Amino acid sequence: MKQRIITALILAPLVILGIFELSLPLFMAAIAAVTLIGYWEWTQFVDAKSRTMALIPTVAVSAASLIFIPFDSLSLNLISDAHYAMLAVGFVWWLAASALAITYPKSSSFWQNSNILRHSFGILTLLPFFWSVLLLRAEGVDVDPYHGAKLVLYVCFIVWAADSGAYFAGKSFGKHKMAPHVSPNKTIEGLVGGIITAILVGWGTAQWFNLQFDSTFAMVAITLVTVVISVLGDLVESMFKRVSGIKDSSNIIPGHGGVLDRIDSLTAAFPVFAFLYFIF
């Protein structure tokens, strides 16, 4: 626990500094690097003789998305049908993935022996995450260079708040298991505690950052859906690790495991939040 706390105290300020101070091209490069590391860790979930060869399909699809989807600052501010389609794919995937996690192990029978599906799941997990973070960071950058950064940090704050609230509520009141076959420690009471904490933090952050939603109801609804899916996103990665017989996605982050272990909730939260935010 001590190592986890020390690492978190070092990483959190660096993440926040990067969100606000990196130029859009450098920010895109940083998110691309995180995504690539995530793809590398995902190769453990694929039955392949070579992890390098297993990396090729995901990288190829991601590179193709950069060819067909515009990513200059002007285009990212004028969101096109291709951008909306990518966000919609991410939104639908996380609804489906959440259902897979909740119904595990029954649901694993149709995908665990298919390398094609496992590759596809990696792409669906990380590619919409990359684009959603980028689209949020670029939002209004020509008018206010920090507006998009505030949106990105808003999502981080509500996910971190949900994780903390769920931990303490589950520890204090947890009795009913949410998905015992995937993660025995997660409870319904923890989920409720995480949701309440996230909504309170979200409301405070929106006021602090002066983020504009159509209404308070819209803010609460978008935050609620995002947080629920983020919690289930954590379960989804746990499901893939359980099927693959892996405890941590890697040991790249001292005390925290791998990149996927740290961003599993965020990979779910960002596409869902971005889709709902831009649609509504």
C-alpha atoms as a PDB file:
ATOM      1  CA  MET A   1       0.000   0.000   0.000  1.00  0.00           C
ATOM      2  CA  LYS A   2       2.850   2.400   0.846  1.00  0.00           C
ATOM      3  CA  GLN A   3       4.369   1.888  -2.619  1.00  0.00           C
ATOM      4  CA  ARG A   4       0.966   2.479  -4.264  1.00  0.00           C
ATOM      5  CA  ILE A   5       0.475   5.753  -2.388  1.00  0.00           C
ATOM      6  CA  ILE A   6       3.957   7.044  -3.208  1.00  0.00           C
ATOM      7  CA  THR A   7       3.558   6.201  -6.893  1.00  0.00           C
ATOM      8  CA  ALA A   8       0.112   7.815  -7.018  1.00  0.00           C
ATOM      9  CA  LEU A   9       1.415  11.006  -5.374  1.00  0.00           C
ATOM     10  CA  ILE A  10       4.091  11.223  -8.061  1.00  0.00           C
ATOM     11  CA  LEU A  11       1.944  10.271 -11.061  1.00  0.00           C
ATOM     12  CA  ALA A  12      -1.188  12.319 -10.331  1.00  0.00           C
ATOM     13  CA  PRO A  13       0.518  15.760 -10.529  1.00  0.00           C
ATOM     14  CA  LEU A  14       2.377  14.681 -13.671  1.00  0.00           C
ATOM     15  CA  VAL A  15      -0.870  13.593 -15.317  1.00  0.00           C
ATOM     16  CA  ILE A  16      -2.617  16.850 -14.432  1.00  0.00           C
ATOM     17  CA  LEU A  17       0.381  18.892 -15.619  1.00  0.00           C
ATOM     18  CA  GLY A  18       0.404  17.008 -18.923  1.00  0.00           C
ATOM     19  CA  ILE A  19      -3.329  17.509 -19.453  1.00  0.00           C
ATOM     20  CA  PHE A  20      -3.049  21.285 -19.032  1.00  0.00           C
ATOM     21  CA  GLU A  21       0.414  22.173 -20.284  1.00  0.00           C
ATOM     22  CA  LEU A  22       1.131  19.893 -23.240  1.00  0.00           C
ATOM     23  CA  SER A  23       0.284  21.361 -26.627  1.00  0.00           C
ATOM     24  CA  LEU A  24      -2.410  19.489 -28.541  1.00  0.00           C
ATOM     25  CA  PRO A  25       0.106  17.623 -30.785  1.00  0.00           C
ATOM     26  CA  LEU A  26       2.237  16.621 -27.788  1.00  0.00           C
ATOM     27  CA  PHE A  27      -0.859  15.625 -25.835  1.00  0.00           C
ATOM     28  CA  MET A  28      -1.961  13.467 -28.742  1.00  0.00           C
ATOM     29  CA  ALA A  29       1.495  11.848 -28.845  1.00  0.00           C
ATOM     30  CA  ALA A  30       1.314  11.155 -25.101  1.00  0.00           C
ATOM     31  CA  ILE A  31      -2.135   9.526 -25.343  1.00  0.00           C
ATOM     32  CA  ALA A  32      -0.955   7.544 -28.367  1.00  0.00           C
ATOM     33  CA  ALA A  33       1.994   6.254 -26.305  1.00  0.00           C
ATOM     34  CA  VAL A  34      -0.314   5.226 -23.449  1.00  0.00           C
ATOM     35  CA  THR A  35      -2.589   3.481 -25.955  1.00  0.00           C
ATOM     36  CA  LEU A  36       0.329   1.650 -27.552  1.00  0.00           C
ATOM     37  CA  ILE A  37       1.517   0.398 -24.152  1.00  0.00           C
ATOM     38  CA  GLY A  38      -2.048  -0.705 -23.493  1.00  0.00           C
ATOM     39  CA  TYR A  39      -2.040  -2.641 -26.766  1.00  0.00           C
ATOM     40  CA  TRP A  40       1.241  -4.316 -25.789  1.00  0.00           C
ATOM     41  CA  GLU A  41      -0.201  -5.386 -22.461  1.00  0.00           C
ATOM     42  CA  TRP A  42      -3.335  -6.612 -24.219  1.00  0.00           C
ATOM     43  CA  THR A  43      -1.262  -9.111 -26.228  1.00  0.00           C
ATOM     44  CA  GLN A  44      -1.226 -11.244 -23.070  1.00  0.00           C
ATOM     45  CA  PHE A  45      -4.970 -11.732 -23.512  1.00  0.00           C
ATOM     46  CA  VAL A  46      -4.452 -13.166 -26.998  1.00  0.00           C
ATOM     47  CA  ASP A  47      -3.280 -16.710 -27.642  1.00  0.00           C
ATOM     48  CA  ALA A  48      -0.250 -16.014 -29.833  1.00  0.00           C
ATOM     49  CA  LYS A  49       3.269 -17.430 -30.149  1.00  0.00           C
ATOM     50  CA  SER A  50       4.733 -13.945 -30.472  1.00  0.00           C
ATOM     51  CA  ARG A  51       3.497 -10.880 -28.624  1.00  0.00           C
ATOM     52  CA  THR A  52       5.078  -8.720 -31.316  1.00  0.00           C
ATOM     53  CA  MET A  53       3.005 -10.427 -33.999  1.00  0.00           C
ATOM     54  CA  ALA A  54      -0.075 -10.137 -31.793  1.00  0.00           C
ATOM     55  CA  LEU A  55       0.510  -6.375 -31.651  1.00  0.00           C
ATOM     56  CA  ILE A  56       0.328  -5.904 -35.428  1.00  0.00           C
ATOM     57  CA  PRO A  57      -3.476  -6.115 -35.973  1.00  0.00           C
ATOM     58  CA  THR A  58      -4.305  -3.568 -33.269  1.00  0.00           C
ATOM     59  CA  VAL A  59      -1.622  -1.122 -34.366  1.00  0.00           C
ATOM     60  CA  ALA A  60      -2.644  -1.490 -38.017  1.00  0.00           C
ATOM     61  CA  VAL A  61      -6.297  -0.705 -37.277  1.00  0.00           C
ATOM     62  CA  SER A  62      -5.310   2.267 -35.125  1.00  0.00           C
ATOM     63  CA  ALA A  63      -3.012   3.628 -37.835  1.00  0.00           C
ATOM     64  CA  ALA A  64      -5.814   3.236 -40.364  1.00  0.00           C
ATOM     65  CA  SER A  65      -8.120   5.290 -38.141  1.00  0.00           C
ATOM     66  CA  LEU A  66      -5.626   8.174 -38.318  1.00  0.00           C
ATOM     67  CA  ILE A  67      -5.740   7.981 -42.102  1.00  0.00           C
ATOM     68  CA  PHE A  68      -9.518   8.057 -42.387  1.00  0.00           C
ATOM     69  CA  ILE A  69     -10.448  10.229 -39.394  1.00  0.00           C
ATOM     70  CA  PRO A  70      -9.151  13.839 -39.361  1.00  0.00           C
ATOM     71  CA  PHE A  71      -7.142  14.795 -36.287  1.00  0.00           C
ATOM     72  CA  ASP A  72      -5.969  18.372 -36.872  1.00  0.00           C
ATOM     73  CA  SER A  73      -7.185  20.896 -34.295  1.00  0.00           C
ATOM     74  CA  LEU A  74      -9.767  22.464 -36.634  1.00  0.00           C
ATOM     75  CA  SER A  75     -11.324  19.108 -37.524  1.00  0.00           C
ATOM     76  CA  LEU A  76     -11.368  17.990 -33.908  1.00  0.00           C
ATOM     77  CA  ASN A  77     -13.343  21.125 -33.031  1.00  0.00           C
ATOM     78  CA  LEU A  78     -15.782  20.571 -35.900  1.00  0.00           C
ATOM     79  CA  ILE A  79     -16.680  17.018 -34.954  1.00  0.00           C
ATOM     80  CA  SER A  80     -17.488  14.992 -38.054  1.00  0.00           C
ATOM     81  CA  ASP A  81     -19.659  11.930 -38.616  1.00  0.00           C
ATOM     82  CA  ALA A  82     -16.499   9.810 -38.416  1.00  0.00           C
ATOM     83  CA  HIS A  83     -15.759  11.155 -34.938  1.00  0.00           C
ATOM     84  CA  TYR A  84     -19.317  10.536 -33.798  1.00  0.00           C
ATOM     85  CA  ALA A  85     -19.168   7.027 -35.250  1.00  0.00           C
ATOM     86  CA  MET A  86     -15.999   6.251 -33.277  1.00  0.00           C
ATOM     87  CA  LEU A  87     -17.586   7.501 -30.051  1.00  0.00           C
ATOM     88  CA  ALA A  88     -20.759   5.540 -30.772  1.00  0.00           C
ATOM     89  CA  VAL A  89     -18.732   2.372 -31.318  1.00  0.00           C
ATOM     90  CA  GLY A  90     -17.036   2.901 -27.967  1.00  0.00           C
ATOM     91  CA  PHE A  91     -20.354   3.574 -26.231  1.00  0.00           C
ATOM     92  CA  VAL A  92     -22.000   0.442 -27.634  1.00  0.00           C
ATOM     93  CA  TRP A  93     -18.913  -1.671 -26.916  1.00  0.00           C
ATOM     94  CA  TRP A  94     -18.910  -0.732 -23.243  1.00  0.00           C
ATOM     95  CA  LEU A  95     -22.580  -1.551 -22.893  1.00  0.00           C
ATOM     96  CA  ALA A  96     -21.876  -4.962 -24.445  1.00  0.00           C
ATOM     97  CA  ALA A  97     -18.653  -5.486 -22.463  1.00  0.00           C
ATOM     98  CA  SER A  98     -20.438  -4.634 -19.226  1.00  0.00           C
ATOM     99  CA  ALA A  99     -23.034  -7.286 -20.001  1.00  0.00           C
ATOM    100  CA  LEU A 100     -20.226  -9.789 -20.644  1.00  0.00           C
ATOM    101  CA  ALA A 101     -18.655  -9.028 -17.254  1.00  0.00           C
ATOM    102  CA  ILE A 102     -21.919  -9.207 -15.325  1.00  0.00           C
ATOM    103  CA  THR A 103     -22.867 -12.561 -16.901  1.00  0.00           C
ATOM    104  CA  TYR A 104     -19.373 -14.096 -16.605  1.00  0.00           C
ATOM    105  CA  PRO A 105     -18.475 -17.014 -16.673  1.00  0.00           C
ATOM    106  CA  LYS A 106     -21.423 -17.988 -18.840  1.00  0.00           C
ATOM    107  CA  SER A 107     -20.636 -15.244 -21.357  1.00  0.00           C
ATOM    108  CA  SER A 108     -17.029 -16.378 -21.853  1.00  0.00           C
ATOM    109  CA  SER A 109     -18.040 -19.522 -23.722  1.00  0.00           C
ATOM    110  CA  PHE A 110     -18.493 -17.714 -27.042  1.00  0.00           C
ATOM    111  CA  TRP A 111     -15.325 -15.566 -27.047  1.00  0.00           C
ATOM    112  CA  GLN A 112     -12.550 -17.097 -24.938  1.00  0.00           C
ATOM    113  CA  ASN A 113     -11.412 -19.491 -27.676  1.00  0.00           C
ATOM    114  CA  SER A 114     -11.535 -16.907 -30.466  1.00  0.00           C
ATOM    115  CA  ASN A 115      -8.369 -14.913 -31.150  1.00  0.00           C
ATOM    116  CA  ILE A 116     -10.236 -12.712 -33.604  1.00  0.00           C
ATOM    117  CA  LEU A 117     -12.681 -11.639 -30.903  1.00  0.00           C
ATOM    118  CA  ARG A 118      -9.910 -11.103 -28.367  1.00  0.00           C
ATOM    119  CA  HIS A 119      -8.032  -8.877 -30.823  1.00  0.00           C
ATOM    120  CA  SER A 120     -11.278  -7.037 -31.564  1.00  0.00           C
ATOM    121  CA  PHE A 121     -11.989  -6.511 -27.883  1.00  0.00           C
ATOM    122  CA  GLY A 122      -8.570  -4.885 -27.456  1.00  0.00           C
ATOM    123  CA  ILE A 123      -9.214  -2.502 -30.328  1.00  0.00           C
ATOM    124  CA  LEU A 124     -12.714  -1.679 -29.062  1.00  0.00           C
ATOM    125  CA  THR A 125     -11.314  -0.998 -25.594  1.00  0.00           C
ATOM    126  CA  LEU A 126      -8.393   1.248 -26.493  1.00  0.00           C
ATOM    127  CA  LEU A 127      -9.099   2.930 -29.839  1.00  0.00           C
ATOM    128  CA  PRO A 128     -12.318   4.758 -28.805  1.00  0.00           C
ATOM    129  CA  PHE A 129     -10.503   5.704 -25.588  1.00  0.00           C
ATOM    130  CA  PHE A 130      -7.725   7.368 -27.612  1.00  0.00           C
ATOM    131  CA  TRP A 131     -10.143   9.305 -29.819  1.00  0.00           C
ATOM    132  CA  SER A 132     -12.501  10.320 -27.004  1.00  0.00           C
ATOM    133  CA  VAL A 133      -9.688  11.765 -24.867  1.00  0.00           C
ATOM    134  CA  LEU A 134      -8.333  13.614 -27.886  1.00  0.00           C
ATOM    135  CA  LEU A 135     -11.746  15.032 -28.849  1.00  0.00           C
ATOM    136  CA  LEU A 136     -12.440  16.235 -25.326  1.00  0.00           C
ATOM    137  CA  ARG A 137      -8.990  17.826 -24.999  1.00  0.00           C
ATOM    138  CA  ALA A 138      -9.447  19.646 -28.324  1.00  0.00           C
ATOM    139  CA  GLU A 139     -12.919  20.950 -27.475  1.00  0.00           C
ATOM    140  CA  GLY A 140     -12.944  24.737 -27.818  1.00  0.00           C
ATOM    141  CA  VAL A 141      -9.144  24.894 -27.931  1.00  0.00           C
ATOM    142  CA  ASP A 142      -9.233  27.792 -30.402  1.00  0.00           C
ATOM    143  CA  VAL A 143     -11.255  29.915 -27.948  1.00  0.00           C
ATOM    144  CA  ASP A 144     -10.041  28.688 -24.556  1.00  0.00           C
ATOM    145  CA  PRO A 145      -6.894  26.505 -24.579  1.00  0.00           C
ATOM    146  CA  TYR A 146      -7.797  25.087 -21.152  1.00  0.00           C
ATOM    147  CA  HIS A 147     -11.481  24.267 -21.709  1.00  0.00           C
ATOM    148  CA  GLY A 148     -10.783  20.818 -23.132  1.00  0.00           C
ATOM    149  CA  ALA A 149      -8.211  20.140 -20.439  1.00  0.00           C
ATOM    150  CA  LYS A 150     -10.887  20.842 -17.824  1.00  0.00           C
ATOM    151  CA  LEU A 151     -13.226  18.342 -19.509  1.00  0.00           C
ATOM    152  CA  VAL A 152     -10.523  15.666 -19.497  1.00  0.00           C
ATOM    153  CA  LEU A 153      -9.726  16.325 -15.850  1.00  0.00           C
ATOM    154  CA  TYR A 154     -13.452  16.315 -15.017  1.00  0.00           C
ATOM    155  CA  VAL A 155     -13.704  12.730 -16.273  1.00  0.00           C
ATOM    156  CA  CYS A 156     -10.581  11.761 -14.338  1.00  0.00           C
ATOM    157  CA  PHE A 157     -11.946  13.358 -11.167  1.00  0.00           C
ATOM    158  CA  ILE A 158     -15.327  11.596 -11.273  1.00  0.00           C
ATOM    159  CA  VAL A 159     -13.695   8.222 -11.999  1.00  0.00           C
ATOM    160  CA  TRP A 160     -11.134   8.648  -9.212  1.00  0.00           C
ATOM    161  CA  ALA A 161     -13.919   9.800  -6.875  1.00  0.00           C
ATOM    162  CA  ALA A 162     -16.046   6.788  -7.803  1.00  0.00           C
ATOM    163  CA  ASP A 163     -13.130   4.426  -7.160  1.00  0.00           C
ATOM    164  CA  SER A 164     -12.442   5.969  -3.745  1.00  0.00           C
ATOM    165  CA  GLY A 165     -16.104   6.187  -2.763  1.00  0.00           C
ATOM    166  CA  ALA A 166     -16.732   2.599  -3.837  1.00  0.00           C
ATOM    167  CA  TYR A 167     -13.724   1.371  -1.855  1.00  0.00           C
ATOM    168  CA  PHE A 168     -14.718   3.017   1.421  1.00  0.00           C
ATOM    169  CA  ALA A 169     -18.449   2.330   1.048  1.00  0.00           C
ATOM    170  CA  GLY A 170     -17.776  -1.279   0.142  1.00  0.00           C
ATOM    171  CA  LYS A 171     -15.385  -1.647   3.061  1.00  0.00           C
ATOM    172  CA  SER A 172     -17.929  -0.192   5.492  1.00  0.00           C
ATOM    173  CA  PHE A 173     -21.278  -1.436   4.176  1.00  0.00           C
ATOM    174  CA  GLY A 174     -20.588  -3.996   1.445  1.00  0.00           C
ATOM    175  CA  LYS A 175     -22.704  -7.147   1.677  1.00  0.00           C
ATOM    176  CA  HIS A 176     -24.120  -7.880  -1.766  1.00  0.00           C
ATOM    177  CA  LYS A 177     -21.570  -8.978  -4.370  1.00  0.00           C
ATOM    178  CA  MET A 178     -21.831  -7.232  -7.733  1.00  0.00           C
ATOM    179  CA  ALA A 179     -19.988  -9.781  -9.910  1.00  0.00           C
ATOM    180  CA  PRO A 180     -18.523 -12.436  -7.590  1.00  0.00           C
ATOM    181  CA  HIS A 181     -17.114 -14.581 -10.407  1.00  0.00           C
ATOM    182  CA  VAL A 182     -15.059 -11.669 -11.745  1.00  0.00           C
ATOM    183  CA  SER A 183     -14.163  -9.509  -8.746  1.00  0.00           C
ATOM    184  CA  PRO A 184     -15.357 -10.878  -5.379  1.00  0.00           C
ATOM    185  CA  ASN A 185     -14.531  -7.660  -3.514  1.00  0.00           C
ATOM    186  CA  LYS A 186     -16.854  -5.366  -5.473  1.00  0.00           C
ATOM    187  CA  THR A 187     -20.293  -4.857  -3.956  1.00  0.00           C
ATOM    188  CA  ILE A 188     -23.564  -3.150  -4.815  1.00  0.00           C
ATOM    189  CA  GLU A 189     -23.160  -0.950  -1.734  1.00  0.00           C
ATOM    190  CA  GLY A 190     -19.712   0.072  -2.958  1.00  0.00           C
ATOM    191  CA  LEU A 191     -21.145   0.966  -6.368  1.00  0.00           C
ATOM    192  CA  VAL A 192     -23.808   3.167  -4.759  1.00  0.00           C
ATOM    193  CA  GLY A 193     -21.193   4.867  -2.585  1.00  0.00           C
ATOM    194  CA  GLY A 194     -19.007   5.460  -5.624  1.00  0.00           C
ATOM    195  CA  ILE A 195     -21.896   6.951  -7.599  1.00  0.00           C
ATOM    196  CA  ILE A 196     -22.852   9.373  -4.814  1.00  0.00           C
ATOM    197  CA  THR A 197     -19.233  10.453  -4.317  1.00  0.00           C
ATOM    198  CA  ALA A 198     -18.699  10.944  -8.054  1.00  0.00           C
ATOM    199  CA  ILE A 199     -21.845  13.029  -8.501  1.00  0.00           C
ATOM    200  CA  LEU A 200     -20.874  15.304  -5.607  1.00  0.00           C
ATOM    201  CA  VAL A 201     -17.319  15.676  -6.936  1.00  0.00           C
ATOM    202  CA  GLY A 202     -18.669  16.163 -10.462  1.00  0.00           C
ATOM    203  CA  TRP A 203     -21.032  18.927  -9.371  1.00  0.00           C
ATOM    204  CA  GLY A 204     -18.259  20.691  -7.440  1.00  0.00           C
ATOM    205  CA  THR A 205     -15.779  20.333 -10.300  1.00  0.00           C
ATOM    206  CA  ALA A 206     -18.279  21.622 -12.867  1.00  0.00           C
ATOM    207  CA  GLN A 207     -18.822  24.709 -10.711  1.00  0.00           C
ATOM    208  CA  TRP A 208     -15.099  25.187 -10.125  1.00  0.00           C
ATOM    209  CA  PHE A 209     -14.168  24.781 -13.791  1.00  0.00           C
ATOM    210  CA  ASN A 210     -17.283  26.622 -15.007  1.00  0.00           C
ATOM    211  CA  LEU A 211     -18.167  23.720 -17.291  1.00  0.00           C
ATOM    212  CA  GLN A 212     -21.419  24.227 -19.145  1.00  0.00           C
ATOM    213  CA  PHE A 213     -23.989  21.436 -19.344  1.00  0.00           C
ATOM    214  CA  ASP A 214     -27.507  21.877 -20.693  1.00  0.00           C
ATOM    215  CA  SER A 215     -28.790  21.571 -17.140  1.00  0.00           C
ATOM    216  CA  THR A 216     -27.906  20.196 -13.726  1.00  0.00           C
ATOM    217  CA  PHE A 217     -29.995  17.157 -14.613  1.00  0.00           C
ATOM    218  CA  ALA A 218     -27.896  16.589 -17.755  1.00  0.00           C
ATOM    219  CA  MET A 219     -24.684  16.841 -15.727  1.00  0.00           C
ATOM    220  CA  VAL A 220     -25.943  14.359 -13.153  1.00  0.00           C
ATOM    221  CA  ALA A 221     -27.280  11.954 -15.792  1.00  0.00           C
ATOM    222  CA  ILE A 222     -24.088  11.989 -17.874  1.00  0.00           C
ATOM    223  CA  THR A 223     -21.942  11.601 -14.755  1.00  0.00           C
ATOM    224  CA  LEU A 224     -24.130   8.768 -13.462  1.00  0.00           C
ATOM    225  CA  VAL A 225     -23.957   6.733 -16.673  1.00  0.00           C
ATOM    226  CA  THR A 226     -20.222   7.403 -17.037  1.00  0.00           C
ATOM    227  CA  VAL A 227     -19.461   6.288 -13.485  1.00  0.00           C
ATOM    228  CA  VAL A 228     -21.544   3.110 -13.672  1.00  0.00           C
ATOM    229  CA  ILE A 229     -19.833   2.096 -16.915  1.00  0.00           C
ATOM    230  CA  SER A 230     -16.405   3.000 -15.483  1.00  0.00           C
ATOM    231  CA  VAL A 231     -16.949   0.638 -12.546  1.00  0.00           C
ATOM    232  CA  LEU A 232     -18.050  -2.093 -14.929  1.00  0.00           C
ATOM    233  CA  GLY A 233     -15.023  -1.288 -17.117  1.00  0.00           C
ATOM    234  CA  ASP A 234     -12.821  -2.287 -14.214  1.00  0.00           C
ATOM    235  CA  LEU A 235     -14.713  -5.585 -14.085  1.00  0.00           C
ATOM    236  CA  VAL A 236     -14.198  -6.124 -17.813  1.00  0.00           C
ATOM    237  CA  GLU A 237     -10.410  -6.028 -17.538  1.00  0.00           C
ATOM    238  CA  SER A 238     -10.580  -8.259 -14.468  1.00  0.00           C
ATOM    239  CA  MET A 239     -12.604 -10.714 -16.548  1.00  0.00           C
ATOM    240  CA  PHE A 240     -10.008 -10.802 -19.335  1.00  0.00           C
ATOM    241  CA  LYS A 241      -7.177 -11.230 -16.817  1.00  0.00           C
ATOM    242  CA  ARG A 242      -9.034 -14.046 -15.068  1.00  0.00           C
ATOM    243  CA  VAL A 243      -9.602 -15.924 -18.322  1.00  0.00           C
ATOM    244  CA  SER A 244      -5.937 -15.440 -19.269  1.00  0.00           C
ATOM    245  CA  GLY A 245      -4.650 -16.407 -15.819  1.00  0.00           C
ATOM    246  CA  ILE A 246      -2.951 -13.020 -15.264  1.00  0.00           C
ATOM    247  CA  LYS A 247      -2.855 -11.028 -12.023  1.00  0.00           C
ATOM    248  CA  ASP A 248      -1.519  -7.707 -13.395  1.00  0.00           C
ATOM    249  CA  SER A 249      -1.298  -6.533 -17.003  1.00  0.00           C
ATOM    250  CA  SER A 250       2.421  -5.754 -16.366  1.00  0.00           C
ATOM    251  CA  ASN A 251       4.695  -4.340 -13.659  1.00  0.00           C
ATOM    252  CA  ILE A 252       5.553  -1.080 -15.430  1.00  0.00           C
ATOM    253  CA  ILE A 253       4.075   1.076 -12.619  1.00  0.00           C
ATOM    254  CA  PRO A 254       5.544   0.272  -9.171  1.00  0.00           C
ATOM    255  CA  GLY A 255       2.838  -0.873  -6.771  1.00  0.00           C
ATOM    256  CA  HIS A 256       0.099  -0.498  -9.392  1.00  0.00           C
ATOM    257  CA  GLY A 257       0.817  -3.143 -12.016  1.00  0.00           C
ATOM    258  CA  GLY A 258       0.461  -2.131 -15.643  1.00  0.00           C
ATOM    259  CA  VAL A 259      -1.025   0.729 -17.624  1.00  0.00           C
ATOM    260  CA  LEU A 260      -4.231  -1.210 -18.254  1.00  0.00           C
ATOM    261  CA  ASP A 261      -4.565  -1.825 -14.524  1.00  0.00           C
ATOM    262  CA  ARG A 262      -4.541   1.946 -13.947  1.00  0.00           C
ATOM    263  CA  ILE A 263      -6.686   3.099 -16.869  1.00  0.00           C
ATOM    264  CA  ASP A 264      -9.232   0.270 -17.057  1.00  0.00           C
ATOM    265  CA  SER A 265     -11.996   2.461 -15.612  1.00  0.00           C
ATOM    266  CA  LEU A 266     -10.907   5.435 -17.747  1.00  0.00           C
ATOM    267  CA  THR A 267     -10.943   3.426 -20.988  1.00  0.00           C
ATOM    268  CA  ALA A 268     -14.632   2.865 -20.340  1.00  0.00           C
ATOM    269  CA  ALA A 269     -15.448   6.293 -18.916  1.00  0.00           C
ATOM    270  CA  PHE A 270     -13.985   8.515 -21.635  1.00  0.00           C
ATOM    271  CA  PRO A 271     -15.852   7.134 -24.691  1.00  0.00           C
ATOM    272  CA  VAL A 272     -19.134   7.031 -22.768  1.00  0.00           C
ATOM    273  CA  PHE A 273     -18.759  10.553 -21.348  1.00  0.00           C
ATOM    274  CA  ALA A 274     -17.599  12.019 -24.676  1.00  0.00           C
ATOM    275  CA  PHE A 275     -20.457  10.399 -26.614  1.00  0.00           C
ATOM    276  CA  LEU A 276     -23.101  11.667 -24.190  1.00  0.00           C
ATOM    277  CA  TYR A 277     -21.458  15.102 -23.797  1.00  0.00           C
ATOM    278  CA  PHE A 278     -21.238  15.806 -27.525  1.00  0.00           C
ATOM    279  CA  ILE A 279     -24.671  14.351 -28.297  1.00  0.00           C
ATOM    280  CA  PHE A 280     -26.523  16.109 -25.484  1.00  0.00           C
END
